[in-house]
Structure formats: C-alpha cells, structure tokens
All heavy atoms as atom14 arrays in JSON, in Angstrom:
{
  "sequence": "LQGFGRRRMEITPQEAYDMVVYQIGALDAFVRSYGG",
  "atom14_mask": [
    [1, 1, 1, 1, 1, 1, 1, 1, 0, 0, 0, 0, 0, 0],
    [1, 1, 1, 1, 1, 1, 1, 1, 1, 0, 0, 0, 0, 0],
    [1, 1, 1, 1, 0, 0, 0, 0, 0, 0, 0, 0, 0, 0],
    [1, 1, 1, 1, 1, 1, 1, 1, 1, 1, 1, 0, 0, 0],
    [1, 1, 1, 1, 0, 0, 0, 0, 0, 0, 0, 0, 0, 0],
    [1, 1, 1, 1, 1, 1, 1, 1, 1, 1, 1, 0, 0, 0],
    [1, 1, 1, 1, 1, 1, 1, 1, 1, 1, 1, 0, 0, 0],
    [1, 1, 1, 1, 1, 1, 1, 1, 1, 1, 1, 0, 0, 0],
    [1, 1, 1, 1, 1, 1, 1, 1, 0, 0, 0, 0, 0, 0],
    [1, 1, 1, 1, 1, 1, 1, 1, 1, 0, 0, 0, 0, 0],
    [1, 1, 1, 1, 1, 1, 1, 1, 0, 0, 0, 0, 0, 0],
    [1, 1, 1, 1, 1, 1, 1, 0, 0, 0, 0, 0, 0, 0],
    [1, 1, 1, 1, 1, 1, 1, 0, 0, 0, 0, 0, 0, 0],
    [1, 1, 1, 1, 1, 1, 1, 1, 1, 0, 0, 0, 0, 0],
    [1, 1, 1, 1, 1, 1, 1, 1, 1, 0, 0, 0, 0, 0],
    [1, 1, 1, 1, 1, 0, 0, 0, 0, 0, 0, 0, 0, 0],
    [1, 1, 1, 1, 1, 1, 1, 1, 1, 1, 1, 1, 0, 0],
    [1, 1, 1, 1, 1, 1, 1, 1, 0, 0, 0, 0, 0, 0],
    [1, 1, 1, 1, 1, 1, 1, 1, 0, 0, 0, 0, 0, 0],
    [1, 1, 1, 1, 1, 1, 1, 0, 0, 0, 0, 0, 0, 0],
    [1, 1, 1, 1, 1, 1, 1, 0, 0, 0, 0, 0, 0, 0],
    [1, 1, 1, 1, 1, 1, 1, 1, 1, 1, 1, 1, 0, 0],
    [1, 1, 1, 1, 1, 1, 1, 1, 1, 0, 0, 0, 0, 0],
    [1, 1, 1, 1, 1, 1, 1, 1, 0, 0, 0, 0, 0, 0],
    [1, 1, 1, 1, 0, 0, 0, 0, 0, 0, 0, 0, 0, 0],
    [1, 1, 1, 1, 1, 0, 0, 0, 0, 0, 0, 0, 0, 0],
    [1, 1, 1, 1, 1, 1, 1, 1, 0, 0, 0, 0, 0, 0],
    [1, 1, 1, 1, 1, 1, 1, 1, 0, 0, 0, 0, 0, 0],
    [1, 1, 1, 1, 1, 0, 0, 0, 0, 0, 0, 0, 0, 0],
    [1, 1, 1, 1, 1, 1, 1, 1, 1, 1, 1, 0, 0, 0],
    [1, 1, 1, 1, 1, 1, 1, 0, 0, 0, 0, 0, 0, 0],
    [1, 1, 1, 1, 1, 1, 1, 1, 1, 1, 1, 0, 0, 0],
    [1, 1, 1, 1, 1, 1, 0, 0, 0, 0, 0, 0, 0, 0],
    [1, 1, 1, 1, 1, 1, 1, 1, 1, 1, 1, 1, 0, 0],
    [1, 1, 1, 1, 0, 0, 0, 0, 0, 0, 0, 0, 0, 0],
    [1, 1, 1, 1, 0, 0, 0, 0, 0, 0, 0, 0, 0, 0]
  ],
  "atom14_positions": [
    [[-1.71, 35.6, -6.66], [-2.92, 35.71, -5.84], [-3.6, 37.06, -6.01], [-4.82, 37.15, -6.13], [-2.59, 35.47, -4.36], [-2.41, 34.03, -3.89], [-1.96, 34.01, -2.44], [-3.7, 33.23, -4.05], [0.0, 0.0, 0.0], [0.0, 0.0, 0.0], [0.0, 0.0, 0.0], [0.0, 0.0, 0.0], [0.0, 0.0, 0.0], [0.0, 0.0, 0.0]],
    [[-2.82, 38.11, -6.0], [-3.39, 39.45, -6.05], [-4.16, 39.68, -7.36], [-5.2, 40.32, -7.38], [-2.31, 40.52, -5.9], [-2.86, 41.93, -5.77], [-1.77, 42.93, -5.45], [-0.59, 42.6, -5.45], [-2.15, 44.16, -5.17], [0.0, 0.0, 0.0], [0.0, 0.0, 0.0], [0.0, 0.0, 0.0], [0.0, 0.0, 0.0], [0.0, 0.0, 0.0]],
    [[-3.64, 39.15, -8.43], [-4.3, 39.31, -9.73], [-5.21, 38.16, -10.1], [-5.72, 38.1, -11.22], [0.0, 0.0, 0.0], [0.0, 0.0, 0.0], [0.0, 0.0, 0.0], [0.0, 0.0, 0.0], [0.0, 0.0, 0.0], [0.0, 0.0, 0.0], [0.0, 0.0, 0.0], [0.0, 0.0, 0.0], [0.0, 0.0, 0.0], [0.0, 0.0, 0.0]],
    [[-5.41, 37.21, -9.18], [-6.28, 36.05, -9.39], [-5.85, 35.26, -10.63], [-6.66, 34.61, -11.29], [-7.74, 36.49, -9.51], [-8.74, 35.38, -9.32], [-8.82, 34.69, -8.12], [-9.6, 35.02, -10.34], [-9.73, 33.66, -7.94], [-10.52, 33.98, -10.18], [-10.59, 33.32, -8.96], [0.0, 0.0, 0.0], [0.0, 0.0, 0.0], [0.0, 0.0, 0.0]],
    [[-4.56, 35.31, -10.95], [-4.04, 34.53, -12.07], [-4.5, 35.0, -13.43], [-4.31, 34.31, -14.42], [0.0, 0.0, 0.0], [0.0, 0.0, 0.0], [0.0, 0.0, 0.0], [0.0, 0.0, 0.0], [0.0, 0.0, 0.0], [0.0, 0.0, 0.0], [0.0, 0.0, 0.0], [0.0, 0.0, 0.0], [0.0, 0.0, 0.0], [0.0, 0.0, 0.0]],
    [[-5.1, 36.19, -13.49], [-5.62, 36.69, -14.77], [-4.7, 37.69, -15.44], [-5.02, 38.23, -16.49], [-7.01, 37.3, -14.55], [-8.07, 36.23, -14.29], [-9.43, 36.82, -14.03], [-10.43, 35.74, -13.91], [-11.62, 35.9, -13.36], [-11.99, 37.08, -12.86], [-12.47, 34.89, -13.29], [0.0, 0.0, 0.0], [0.0, 0.0, 0.0], [0.0, 0.0, 0.0]],
    [[-3.53, 37.96, -14.83], [-2.55, 38.86, -15.43], [-1.44, 38.03, -16.07], [-0.91, 37.1, -15.45], [-1.97, 39.79, -14.37], [-3.03, 40.63, -13.68], [-2.43, 41.61, -12.7], [-1.78, 40.96, -11.57], [-1.36, 41.61, -10.48], [-1.51, 42.92, -10.4], [-0.78, 40.96, -9.49], [0.0, 0.0, 0.0], [0.0, 0.0, 0.0], [0.0, 0.0, 0.0]],
    [[-1.11, 38.36, -17.28], [-0.07, 37.61, -17.99], [1.3, 37.87, -17.35], [1.58, 38.96, -16.89], [-0.04, 37.99, -19.46], [-1.32, 37.55, -20.19], [-1.17, 37.62, -21.69], [-2.37, 37.09, -22.33], [-2.37, 36.38, -23.45], [-1.23, 36.09, -24.06], [-3.49, 35.93, -23.98], [0.0, 0.0, 0.0], [0.0, 0.0, 0.0], [0.0, 0.0, 0.0]],
    [[2.11, 36.81, -17.36], [3.48, 36.89, -16.86], [4.42, 36.31, -17.91], [4.05, 35.4, -18.66], [3.63, 36.09, -15.55], [2.76, 36.58, -14.41], [2.84, 35.48, -12.95], [4.55, 35.61, -12.51], [0.0, 0.0, 0.0], [0.0, 0.0, 0.0], [0.0, 0.0, 0.0], [0.0, 0.0, 0.0], [0.0, 0.0, 0.0], [0.0, 0.0, 0.0]],
    [[5.63, 36.84, -17.94], [6.65, 36.29, -18.83], [7.27, 35.07, -18.15], [7.98, 35.19, -17.16], [7.73, 37.34, -19.11], [7.26, 38.51, -19.95], [6.94, 38.12, -21.37], [7.54, 37.14, -21.88], [6.08, 38.78, -21.99], [0.0, 0.0, 0.0], [0.0, 0.0, 0.0], [0.0, 0.0, 0.0], [0.0, 0.0, 0.0], [0.0, 0.0, 0.0]],
    [[6.95, 33.9, -18.66], [7.5, 32.66, -18.1], [8.09, 31.83, -19.22], [7.66, 31.9, -20.37], [6.43, 31.84, -17.33], [5.27, 31.45, -18.27], [5.91, 32.6, -16.13], [4.29, 30.47, -17.66], [0.0, 0.0, 0.0], [0.0, 0.0, 0.0], [0.0, 0.0, 0.0], [0.0, 0.0, 0.0], [0.0, 0.0, 0.0], [0.0, 0.0, 0.0]],
    [[9.08, 31.02, -18.87], [9.69, 30.12, -19.84], [8.87, 28.83, -19.91], [8.12, 28.5, -18.97], [11.13, 29.77, -19.46], [11.1, 29.0, -18.23], [11.97, 31.04, -19.25], [0.0, 0.0, 0.0], [0.0, 0.0, 0.0], [0.0, 0.0, 0.0], [0.0, 0.0, 0.0], [0.0, 0.0, 0.0], [0.0, 0.0, 0.0], [0.0, 0.0, 0.0]],
    [[9.01, 28.05, -20.97], [8.35, 26.75, -21.02], [8.72, 25.86, -19.84], [7.87, 25.13, -19.32], [8.82, 26.16, -22.35], [9.1, 27.37, -23.21], [9.66, 28.38, -22.26], [0.0, 0.0, 0.0], [0.0, 0.0, 0.0], [0.0, 0.0, 0.0], [0.0, 0.0, 0.0], [0.0, 0.0, 0.0], [0.0, 0.0, 0.0], [0.0, 0.0, 0.0]],
    [[9.99, 25.92, -19.4], [10.4, 25.11, -18.26], [9.69, 25.54, -16.99], [9.27, 24.71, -16.17], [11.92, 25.2, -18.05], [12.45, 24.28, -16.95], [12.26, 22.81, -17.27], [12.79, 22.31, -18.26], [11.49, 22.1, -16.45], [0.0, 0.0, 0.0], [0.0, 0.0, 0.0], [0.0, 0.0, 0.0], [0.0, 0.0, 0.0], [0.0, 0.0, 0.0]],
    [[9.52, 26.85, -16.81], [8.79, 27.35, -15.64], [7.34, 26.91, -15.69], [6.76, 26.52, -14.66], [8.9, 28.87, -15.57], [10.27, 29.37, -15.16], [10.41, 30.87, -15.31], [9.8, 31.47, -16.23], [11.15, 31.46, -14.49], [0.0, 0.0, 0.0], [0.0, 0.0, 0.0], [0.0, 0.0, 0.0], [0.0, 0.0, 0.0], [0.0, 0.0, 0.0]],
    [[6.74, 26.95, -16.88], [5.36, 26.49, -17.02], [5.25, 25.0, -16.68], [4.34, 24.59, -15.95], [4.87, 26.73, -18.46], [0.0, 0.0, 0.0], [0.0, 0.0, 0.0], [0.0, 0.0, 0.0], [0.0, 0.0, 0.0], [0.0, 0.0, 0.0], [0.0, 0.0, 0.0], [0.0, 0.0, 0.0], [0.0, 0.0, 0.0], [0.0, 0.0, 0.0]],
    [[6.18, 24.22, -17.19], [6.2, 22.78, -16.9], [6.29, 22.54, -15.39], [5.51, 21.77, -14.82], [7.4, 22.14, -17.6], [7.59, 20.67, -17.31], [7.06, 19.7, -18.16], [8.32, 20.24, -16.2], [7.23, 18.35, -17.91], [8.5, 18.89, -15.94], [7.95, 17.95, -16.78], [8.13, 16.61, -16.52], [0.0, 0.0, 0.0], [0.0, 0.0, 0.0]],
    [[7.22, 23.22, -14.74], [7.46, 22.99, -13.32], [6.25, 23.38, -12.47], [5.86, 22.65, -11.55], [8.69, 23.77, -12.85], [9.99, 23.24, -13.46], [9.99, 22.1, -13.97], [10.99, 23.97, -13.43], [0.0, 0.0, 0.0], [0.0, 0.0, 0.0], [0.0, 0.0, 0.0], [0.0, 0.0, 0.0], [0.0, 0.0, 0.0], [0.0, 0.0, 0.0]],
    [[5.64, 24.52, -12.77], [4.53, 24.96, -11.93], [3.29, 24.1, -12.14], [2.51, 23.88, -11.21], [4.23, 26.45, -12.15], [3.71, 26.86, -13.49], [3.31, 28.65, -13.55], [4.93, 29.39, -13.34], [0.0, 0.0, 0.0], [0.0, 0.0, 0.0], [0.0, 0.0, 0.0], [0.0, 0.0, 0.0], [0.0, 0.0, 0.0], [0.0, 0.0, 0.0]],
    [[3.12, 23.55, -13.35], [1.98, 22.67, -13.58], [2.19, 21.32, -12.88], [1.28, 20.8, -12.23], [1.74, 22.49, -15.1], [0.73, 21.37, -15.36], [1.24, 23.8, -15.71], [0.0, 0.0, 0.0], [0.0, 0.0, 0.0], [0.0, 0.0, 0.0], [0.0, 0.0, 0.0], [0.0, 0.0, 0.0], [0.0, 0.0, 0.0], [0.0, 0.0, 0.0]],
    [[3.39, 20.76, -12.98], [3.69, 19.51, -12.27], [3.48, 19.68, -10.77], [2.86, 18.84, -10.1], [5.13, 19.05, -12.56], [5.54, 17.92, -11.61], [5.27, 18.58, -14.0], [0.0, 0.0, 0.0], [0.0, 0.0, 0.0], [0.0, 0.0, 0.0], [0.0, 0.0, 0.0], [0.0, 0.0, 0.0], [0.0, 0.0, 0.0], [0.0, 0.0, 0.0]],
    [[3.98, 20.77, -10.23], [3.88, 21.05, -8.79], [2.42, 21.11, -8.34], [2.04, 20.51, -7.32], [4.58, 22.38, -8.51], [4.61, 22.82, -7.07], [5.66, 22.46, -6.24], [3.61, 23.62, -6.55], [5.7, 22.88, -4.91], [3.63, 24.04, -5.23], [4.69, 23.67, -4.42], [4.71, 24.09, -3.11], [0.0, 0.0, 0.0], [0.0, 0.0, 0.0]],
    [[1.61, 21.82, -9.09], [0.22, 22.01, -8.67], [-0.63, 20.75, -8.87], [-1.49, 20.44, -8.04], [-0.39, 23.2, -9.43], [0.23, 24.53, -9.02], [-0.29, 25.69, -9.83], [-1.37, 26.22, -9.57], [0.48, 26.11, -10.83], [0.0, 0.0, 0.0], [0.0, 0.0, 0.0], [0.0, 0.0, 0.0], [0.0, 0.0, 0.0], [0.0, 0.0, 0.0]],
    [[-0.37, 20.0, -9.94], [-1.07, 18.73, -10.11], [-0.75, 17.8, -8.93], [-1.63, 17.16, -8.36], [-0.66, 18.04, -11.43], [-1.14, 18.83, -12.63], [-1.23, 16.62, -11.48], [-0.63, 18.28, -13.96], [0.0, 0.0, 0.0], [0.0, 0.0, 0.0], [0.0, 0.0, 0.0], [0.0, 0.0, 0.0], [0.0, 0.0, 0.0], [0.0, 0.0, 0.0]],
    [[0.52, 17.74, -8.59], [0.94, 16.86, -7.5], [0.29, 17.22, -6.19], [-0.11, 16.34, -5.41], [0.0, 0.0, 0.0], [0.0, 0.0, 0.0], [0.0, 0.0, 0.0], [0.0, 0.0, 0.0], [0.0, 0.0, 0.0], [0.0, 0.0, 0.0], [0.0, 0.0, 0.0], [0.0, 0.0, 0.0], [0.0, 0.0, 0.0], [0.0, 0.0, 0.0]],
    [[0.16, 18.52, -5.91], [-0.45, 18.95, -4.65], [-1.9, 18.52, -4.57], [-2.36, 17.98, -3.54], [-0.33, 20.47, -4.52], [0.0, 0.0, 0.0], [0.0, 0.0, 0.0], [0.0, 0.0, 0.0], [0.0, 0.0, 0.0], [0.0, 0.0, 0.0], [0.0, 0.0, 0.0], [0.0, 0.0, 0.0], [0.0, 0.0, 0.0], [0.0, 0.0, 0.0]],
    [[-2.66, 18.74, -5.64], [-4.07, 18.38, -5.59], [-4.25, 16.86, -5.61], [-5.11, 16.31, -4.92], [-4.84, 19.0, -6.75], [-6.36, 18.82, -6.6], [-6.92, 19.77, -5.56], [-7.08, 19.0, -7.92], [0.0, 0.0, 0.0], [0.0, 0.0, 0.0], [0.0, 0.0, 0.0], [0.0, 0.0, 0.0], [0.0, 0.0, 0.0], [0.0, 0.0, 0.0]],
    [[-3.42, 16.17, -6.39], [-3.54, 14.73, -6.5], [-3.35, 14.05, -5.14], [-3.99, 13.04, -4.85], [-2.52, 14.19, -7.5], [-2.79, 12.74, -7.89], [-3.97, 12.4, -8.1], [-1.84, 11.96, -7.97], [0.0, 0.0, 0.0], [0.0, 0.0, 0.0], [0.0, 0.0, 0.0], [0.0, 0.0, 0.0], [0.0, 0.0, 0.0], [0.0, 0.0, 0.0]],
    [[-2.5, 14.64, -4.3], [-2.3, 14.06, -2.96], [-3.59, 14.09, -2.16], [-3.92, 13.12, -1.45], [-1.19, 14.82, -2.24], [0.0, 0.0, 0.0], [0.0, 0.0, 0.0], [0.0, 0.0, 0.0], [0.0, 0.0, 0.0], [0.0, 0.0, 0.0], [0.0, 0.0, 0.0], [0.0, 0.0, 0.0], [0.0, 0.0, 0.0], [0.0, 0.0, 0.0]],
    [[-4.33, 15.18, -2.26], [-5.61, 15.25, -1.54], [-6.63, 14.28, -2.14], [-7.37, 13.63, -1.41], [-6.17, 16.68, -1.59], [-5.49, 17.63, -0.65], [-4.7, 18.67, -1.14], [-5.62, 17.5, 0.72], [-4.07, 19.54, -0.28], [-4.99, 18.38, 1.59], [-4.21, 19.4, 1.09], [0.0, 0.0, 0.0], [0.0, 0.0, 0.0], [0.0, 0.0, 0.0]],
    [[-6.66, 14.18, -3.46], [-7.6, 13.26, -4.1], [-7.31, 11.82, -3.66], [-8.23, 11.07, -3.29], [-7.52, 13.38, -5.64], [-8.45, 12.36, -6.3], [-7.88, 14.8, -6.1], [0.0, 0.0, 0.0], [0.0, 0.0, 0.0], [0.0, 0.0, 0.0], [0.0, 0.0, 0.0], [0.0, 0.0, 0.0], [0.0, 0.0, 0.0], [0.0, 0.0, 0.0]],
    [[-6.06, 11.44, -3.67], [-5.69, 10.08, -3.27], [-5.99, 9.83, -1.79], [-6.35, 8.71, -1.39], [-4.21, 9.84, -3.55], [-3.88, 9.72, -5.04], [-2.37, 9.62, -5.26], [-2.04, 9.51, -6.68], [-1.93, 8.37, -7.34], [-2.12, 7.22, -6.7], [-1.63, 8.36, -8.62], [0.0, 0.0, 0.0], [0.0, 0.0, 0.0], [0.0, 0.0, 0.0]],
    [[-5.84, 10.86, -0.97], [-6.08, 10.68, 0.47], [-7.53, 10.35, 0.78], [-7.85, 9.81, 1.84], [-5.66, 11.94, 1.24], [-6.58, 13.0, 1.07], [0.0, 0.0, 0.0], [0.0, 0.0, 0.0], [0.0, 0.0, 0.0], [0.0, 0.0, 0.0], [0.0, 0.0, 0.0], [0.0, 0.0, 0.0], [0.0, 0.0, 0.0], [0.0, 0.0, 0.0]],
    [[-8.43, 10.68, -0.16], [-9.84, 10.35, 0.0], [-10.25, 9.15, -0.86], [-11.44, 8.88, -1.03], [-10.72, 11.56, -0.34], [-10.77, 12.57, 0.79], [-10.01, 13.72, 0.75], [-11.57, 12.35, 1.92], [-10.04, 14.65, 1.78], [-11.61, 13.26, 2.96], [-10.84, 14.4, 2.88], [-10.88, 15.31, 3.91], [0.0, 0.0, 0.0], [0.0, 0.0, 0.0]],
    [[-9.26, 8.47, -1.4], [-9.54, 7.27, -2.17], [-10.06, 7.55, -3.57], [-10.59, 6.65, -4.23], [0.0, 0.0, 0.0], [0.0, 0.0, 0.0], [0.0, 0.0, 0.0], [0.0, 0.0, 0.0], [0.0, 0.0, 0.0], [0.0, 0.0, 0.0], [0.0, 0.0, 0.0], [0.0, 0.0, 0.0], [0.0, 0.0, 0.0], [0.0, 0.0, 0.0]],
    [[-9.89, 8.79, -4.03], [-10.36, 9.16, -5.36], [-9.28, 9.05, -6.41], [-8.14, 8.68, -6.13], [0.0, 0.0, 0.0], [0.0, 0.0, 0.0], [0.0, 0.0, 0.0], [0.0, 0.0, 0.0], [0.0, 0.0, 0.0], [0.0, 0.0, 0.0], [0.0, 0.0, 0.0], [0.0, 0.0, 0.0], [0.0, 0.0, 0.0], [0.0, 0.0, 0.0]]
  ]
}
C-alpha cells in the first residue's frame, strides 16, 4: 500500500500465483453479487 504497488519485491512464482488467485477471487465475489 505504501508504495502503491510500484516497488519491486522478491517473490516466488508460487507467491505470485497465490496472490493473484486471492485477489481475483475477492473481486469476483463482488461482481457476482451484482449479477455481473
């Protein structure tokens, strides 16, 4: 949050996979709740 996601971080491919799945799922729940 502090760097607005514009600072590079050392992450593993598994960490990238997990954080993308997590965030897609969070937004998708809101989209589905509105019938989208």
